[in-house]
Amino acid sequence: MFSTVEVNATFYRRFKDQTYLNWRERAPSHFRYVLKAPKWITHRKYLLGVEKDIEDFSRSAALLEDRLGLILLQIAPNTPYDPERLKKVFRAFRNPKKVAIEFRHKHWFTNEIRDLLCSFGIVFCTADSPKTKLSEWVTSNAAYIRLHGRQRWYSYNYTDQELDEIANLATRMAAQGAERIYIFFNNDFEGYAPQNAQSLQKILR
């Protein structure tokens, strides 16, 4: 039914190597996993001195081999605006082009940051939530749309009109050069995510 999944569990805890190997073995060849980077990197250390943490997590993620889609860095909203901090983090990854980034504060939405993402090939993750609106930034050959809910976090049921808007955004991103577009619904408290995703698939097809 779906060709990808965003694994939020990796944000909260470590997993044994065998878990990643099992994930890879159980997934069909076209399937891709997106792993959310651990919270101790983004929400505890705020990207400072995390090179070893990134190295360890990247090693685990690499066990997925060709089933690894992206690693998502969700930047904590109270992280200071610091492009140099981002540069050090991007350089710590084995393959920065496998990294996506979601900012949770508006001070990151500058031309300087957009250019920085483009220079490393980092995938920009645009998020829809009660506090943020979707952006059309495309900074890599992939794009990422994360849908938390429009009027309510996590338990919002997107309307057909809103799904049409999201589909149109994906089409415009493709026109900007995004060869692969990851779209995830994080509005699952009432079970809306699967039905919204299926509806969006029908629109895009």
Protein backbone atom coordinates (compact mmCIF):
# COMPACT_ATOMS: atom_id res chain seq x y z
CA MET A 1 0.00 0.00 0.00
CA PHE A 2 2.69 2.50 1.05
CA SER A 3 6.28 2.63 -0.16
CA THR A 4 7.88 4.34 2.84
CA VAL A 5 7.55 4.85 6.59
CA GLU A 6 8.91 7.44 8.99
CA VAL A 7 10.29 5.71 12.08
CA ASN A 8 9.82 8.01 15.07
CA ALA A 9 10.90 5.36 17.57
CA THR A 10 14.57 6.01 16.77
CA PHE A 11 14.09 9.51 18.20
CA TYR A 12 13.33 8.06 21.63
CA ARG A 13 15.54 4.98 22.00
CA ARG A 14 18.41 2.95 20.62
CA PHE A 15 17.86 -0.28 18.74
CA LYS A 16 20.06 -3.32 18.37
CA ASP A 17 21.78 -3.97 15.05
CA GLN A 18 19.58 -7.00 14.50
CA THR A 19 16.49 -4.78 14.54
CA TYR A 20 17.79 -2.77 11.59
CA LEU A 21 18.75 -5.96 9.79
CA ASN A 22 15.27 -7.35 10.37
CA TRP A 23 13.69 -4.17 9.05
CA ARG A 24 15.75 -4.44 5.91
CA GLU A 25 14.97 -8.10 5.32
CA ARG A 26 11.22 -7.61 5.74
CA ALA A 27 10.93 -4.67 3.35
CA PRO A 28 10.44 -5.09 -0.40
CA SER A 29 13.14 -3.74 -2.68
CA HIS A 30 11.28 -0.50 -3.48
CA PHE A 31 10.51 0.32 0.17
CA ARG A 32 12.38 3.08 2.02
CA TYR A 33 12.75 3.82 5.73
CA VAL A 34 13.14 7.35 7.08
CA LEU A 35 14.72 7.37 10.53
CA LYS A 36 14.25 10.26 12.92
CA ALA A 37 17.58 11.21 14.50
CA PRO A 38 17.85 10.62 18.26
CA LYS A 39 16.62 13.34 20.58
CA TRP A 40 19.92 13.47 22.43
CA ILE A 41 21.42 14.93 19.25
CA THR A 42 18.74 17.54 18.53
CA HIS A 43 16.85 18.18 21.77
CA ARG A 44 19.39 17.55 24.53
CA LYS A 45 22.74 18.56 23.09
CA TYR A 46 21.21 21.02 20.59
CA LEU A 47 23.65 19.85 17.87
CA LEU A 48 26.76 20.66 19.96
CA GLY A 49 29.47 18.04 20.30
CA VAL A 50 27.36 15.38 18.63
CA GLU A 51 29.86 14.05 16.08
CA LYS A 52 30.27 10.70 17.87
CA ASP A 53 26.50 10.37 18.35
CA ILE A 54 25.97 10.98 14.64
CA GLU A 55 28.68 8.50 13.74
CA ASP A 56 27.07 5.80 15.89
CA PHE A 57 23.57 6.44 14.57
CA SER A 58 24.77 6.61 10.96
CA ARG A 59 26.46 3.24 11.39
CA SER A 60 23.17 1.74 12.59
CA ALA A 61 21.18 3.39 9.81
CA ALA A 62 23.62 2.07 7.21
CA LEU A 63 22.58 -1.48 8.14
CA LEU A 64 19.39 -0.80 6.16
CA GLU A 65 21.59 -0.48 3.05
CA ASP A 66 19.45 0.43 0.03
CA ARG A 67 16.28 0.47 2.14
CA LEU A 68 17.45 3.65 3.90
CA GLY A 69 15.67 6.67 2.49
CA LEU A 70 16.65 9.55 4.76
CA ILE A 71 17.62 10.52 8.29
CA LEU A 72 15.39 13.29 9.65
CA LEU A 73 16.88 15.95 11.92
CA GLN A 74 14.10 17.78 13.75
CA ILE A 75 15.67 20.93 15.15
CA ALA A 76 14.36 21.84 18.61
CA PRO A 77 12.55 25.21 18.62
CA ASN A 78 14.88 26.68 21.26
CA THR A 79 18.04 25.89 19.28
CA PRO A 80 19.91 29.18 18.67
CA TYR A 81 20.29 30.38 15.10
CA ASP A 82 23.80 29.21 14.29
CA PRO A 83 24.71 28.25 10.68
CA GLU A 84 28.20 27.16 11.74
CA ARG A 85 26.67 24.65 14.15
CA LEU A 86 24.66 23.22 11.26
CA LYS A 87 27.75 22.95 9.08
CA LYS A 88 29.57 20.85 11.68
CA VAL A 89 26.58 18.56 12.00
CA PHE A 90 26.20 18.10 8.24
CA ARG A 91 29.89 17.26 7.90
CA ALA A 92 29.56 14.59 10.59
CA PHE A 93 27.19 12.51 8.46
CA ARG A 94 28.59 9.87 6.13
CA ASN A 95 26.36 11.11 3.34
CA PRO A 96 24.76 14.54 3.94
CA LYS A 97 22.48 14.00 0.93
CA LYS A 98 20.72 11.33 2.99
CA VAL A 99 19.83 13.92 5.64
CA ALA A 100 16.56 15.87 5.87
CA ILE A 101 16.00 18.76 8.27
CA GLU A 102 12.85 20.14 9.86
CA PHE A 103 13.09 23.52 11.59
CA ARG A 104 10.72 24.30 14.44
CA HIS A 105 11.46 28.04 14.66
CA LYS A 106 10.94 30.73 12.04
CA HIS A 107 14.39 32.27 12.58
CA TRP A 108 15.90 29.48 10.44
CA PHE A 109 13.98 30.48 7.34
CA THR A 110 16.62 32.71 5.77
CA ASN A 111 18.38 32.80 2.43
CA GLU A 112 21.61 31.98 4.26
CA ILE A 113 20.18 28.72 5.58
CA ARG A 114 18.56 27.85 2.28
CA ASP A 115 21.87 28.30 0.49
CA LEU A 116 23.62 26.23 3.15
CA LEU A 117 21.20 23.34 2.68
CA CYS A 118 21.66 23.52 -1.09
CA SER A 119 25.44 23.47 -0.78
CA PHE A 120 25.35 20.20 1.20
CA GLY A 121 22.41 18.69 -0.66
CA ILE A 122 20.39 18.51 2.56
CA VAL A 123 16.69 17.76 2.03
CA PHE A 124 14.45 20.49 3.42
CA CYS A 125 11.45 19.19 5.34
CA THR A 126 8.47 21.51 5.20
CA ALA A 127 5.95 21.02 7.99
CA ASP A 128 2.25 21.76 8.21
CA SER A 129 1.03 22.42 11.75
CA PRO A 130 -1.00 24.91 13.79
CA LYS A 131 2.21 26.95 14.13
CA THR A 132 3.77 26.57 10.68
CA LYS A 133 2.71 26.82 7.07
CA LEU A 134 4.01 24.74 4.20
CA SER A 135 7.00 26.11 2.29
CA GLU A 136 8.03 25.48 -1.30
CA TRP A 137 11.76 25.26 -0.59
CA VAL A 138 13.52 22.53 -2.58
CA THR A 139 17.19 22.25 -1.63
CA SER A 140 18.08 18.82 -2.99
CA ASN A 141 16.95 16.26 -5.55
CA ALA A 142 14.40 15.13 -2.98
CA ALA A 143 11.68 16.93 -1.03
CA TYR A 144 9.90 16.18 2.24
CA ILE A 145 6.41 17.18 3.40
CA ARG A 146 5.44 16.48 7.01
CA LEU A 147 1.78 16.92 7.93
CA HIS A 148 1.05 17.27 11.64
CA GLY A 149 -2.45 18.74 11.32
CA ARG A 150 -3.67 22.21 10.42
CA GLN A 151 -5.94 23.40 13.24
CA ARG A 152 -4.96 20.72 15.75
CA TRP A 153 -1.73 18.83 16.32
CA TYR A 154 -1.80 15.11 15.45
CA SER A 155 -5.59 14.57 15.42
CA TYR A 156 -6.65 16.68 12.45
CA ASN A 157 -8.49 15.21 9.48
CA TYR A 158 -7.39 16.93 6.26
CA THR A 159 -10.20 17.96 3.92
CA ASP A 160 -10.30 17.06 0.24
CA GLN A 161 -9.52 20.68 -0.63
CA GLU A 162 -6.47 20.68 1.68
CA LEU A 163 -5.27 17.41 0.20
CA ASP A 164 -5.57 18.96 -3.26
CA GLU A 165 -3.39 21.84 -2.05
CA ILE A 166 -0.77 19.39 -0.77
CA ALA A 167 -0.82 17.48 -4.05
CA ASN A 168 -0.32 20.73 -5.96
CA LEU A 169 2.62 21.60 -3.70
CA ALA A 170 4.22 18.23 -4.44
CA THR A 171 3.74 18.85 -8.16
CA ARG A 172 5.46 22.23 -7.91
CA MET A 173 8.32 20.67 -5.96
CA ALA A 174 8.78 18.10 -8.70
CA ALA A 175 8.91 20.93 -11.23
CA GLN A 176 11.73 22.47 -9.16
CA GLY A 177 13.80 19.30 -9.50
CA ALA A 178 12.63 17.01 -6.69
CA GLU A 179 12.91 13.52 -8.16
CA ARG A 180 11.56 11.85 -5.02
CA ILE A 181 9.06 13.43 -2.62
CA TYR A 182 8.47 11.98 0.83
CA ILE A 183 5.06 12.83 2.30
CA PHE A 184 4.15 11.73 5.82
CA PHE A 185 1.01 12.28 7.84
CA ASN A 186 1.72 12.67 11.54
CA ASN A 187 -1.96 13.09 12.45
CA ASP A 188 -2.56 9.62 13.79
CA PHE A 189 -4.20 10.13 17.20
CA GLU A 190 -7.65 9.44 15.72
CA GLY A 191 -6.37 7.21 12.94
CA TYR A 192 -6.64 9.91 10.28
CA ALA A 193 -3.14 9.38 8.87
CA PRO A 194 -3.75 6.19 6.82
CA GLN A 195 -7.00 7.41 5.27
CA ASN A 196 -5.54 10.84 4.46
CA ALA A 197 -2.49 9.19 2.90
CA GLN A 198 -4.64 6.89 0.78
CA SER A 199 -6.75 9.83 -0.39
CA LEU A 200 -3.63 11.81 -1.31
CA GLN A 201 -2.27 8.84 -3.25
CA LYS A 202 -5.45 8.75 -5.35
CA ILE A 203 -5.17 12.47 -6.09
CA LEU A 204 -1.52 12.21 -7.12
CA ARG A 205 -2.19 9.24 -9.35
